[in-house]
Amino acid sequence: MTDFRMPSLGADMEAGTLVEWLVRPGDRVKRGNVVAVVETQKGAIDIEIFNDGVVSELVVPVGGRVPVGTVLARLAGPVTEPAMAPPQAAPVTPPPIPAAPAAVAGRPHITPVARRLAGEHGIDLQRLTGTGPDNAITLADVQAAVSSVASGATPRRRAGFDPAAMRQAIAAAMTRSKREIPHYYLSQTIDVSNALARIERLNRERPPPERILPAALFLRAIALAVAKTPELNGFWEEGRFRPGDGVHIGWATALRGGGLLAPAIRDANHRSLEELMASMRDLVLRARGSGLRSSELSDPTITVTSLGDRGAETVFPIIYPPQVAMVGIGRIVTRPWVVNGAIEPRPVVTLTLAADHRASDGHRGGLLLVEIDRLLQEADTL
């Protein structure tokens, strides 16, 4: 028997409310299946299972408040299939496995939360055109349909979501960060002429929805540089550094109505520019539409925040515990720049690093920023 417990979705989360079970006792599940929806200060989150097996008991009822670490369900297993069916045995159809938001048997791609909202309002999913990746139907699509049916009525706020509570949770996590983590800060101002020229060439023949933003190029350079400085990629837990199992970059995303989420782009150093841009768009869309999975909030090994589009020329991040580093991207500005002994106007951006002195020192942090600079100067190789 295996206990399935409420996962931690970040340092700013202590508990959540179970709003929906997507499995029942007797269902077979596999690692990565979405089995429940939990409402937190961050909104409705799809909770994934960590093990293969058969659900033997649902411990927490719908509506129950669940602290991190609480047993949600119990599994028997893992399940093993017999080598061959017994003679004359009638075929047995296993109970359905609740999958991630994916199309099965002709059904559209849709997150559980969006599906539930559609059901509450009698929205025919087959008549909706999804705006998400692979034409997935997002919560925003369903809300738009609900609003249309109601002749402009404002959609109901998600049960249990309170922007003020999210702000309090973020404040608590950042207070802990500043109290417990010995931060050090470094910054590097980088000439991005080559990077912007690369972006312009890439976008020349692309329609607007497919264009690459400079942030994607910066993110790729950061991911590749982080892979070379593993001391900045991981967690400080139980008095020691635990390296990440990959470069999983949390992309800080501001939510409408207030609040902040930083879901993970997994293995970012192995993704192309196009893949990173698609992932960034997807995460922002789902973060603002309550379509995130629990692993996307618990997986980041380092976080990147970009406030350039908000007008900030420089950002000095606060590390999100238990991570040990965070990179900030400022606004691209034109400044006088010395090139071959002459002063020229050049577009530049200031990158900042906040790092945990328990896990690394300024020497290693400086090497990270220098490597990011080098990669951006050689933007055609990114």
Foldseek 3Di string as FASTA:
>chain_A
DDFWWAADLFQLWFKWAWADAPDDAQAWEAFQFFGTWTQTLLGIAGETTHHTFTWHFQDDDHGDIHTGGHGGTDGDDNDDDDPDDDPPDDDDDGDDGRHAQPDDPNQAREGPVLVVLCVVQVNDRVPFFAPAPVRHNFNVRSQVVSCVVVVNDHDDDPPPHDQVSQVVSVVVQLVCLVVPFPKDKDKDKFFQPLLVVVQCVVCVPPDVVQGFDSVLLLLLLLQQLCVVQQLQFAFCPPNDTDTAPAQWEFEWEAEPPGHIATFTDTNSNPDDSSRSRSVVVNCNRCSRRVRHHSCRSVRHREYEYECQVVPFQDDDDRGGPRHFKYKYKHHWDWDFDQDPNDTDTTTIIMMMMMGGVSRHDPVSVVSSVVSSNVCSVVSVVD
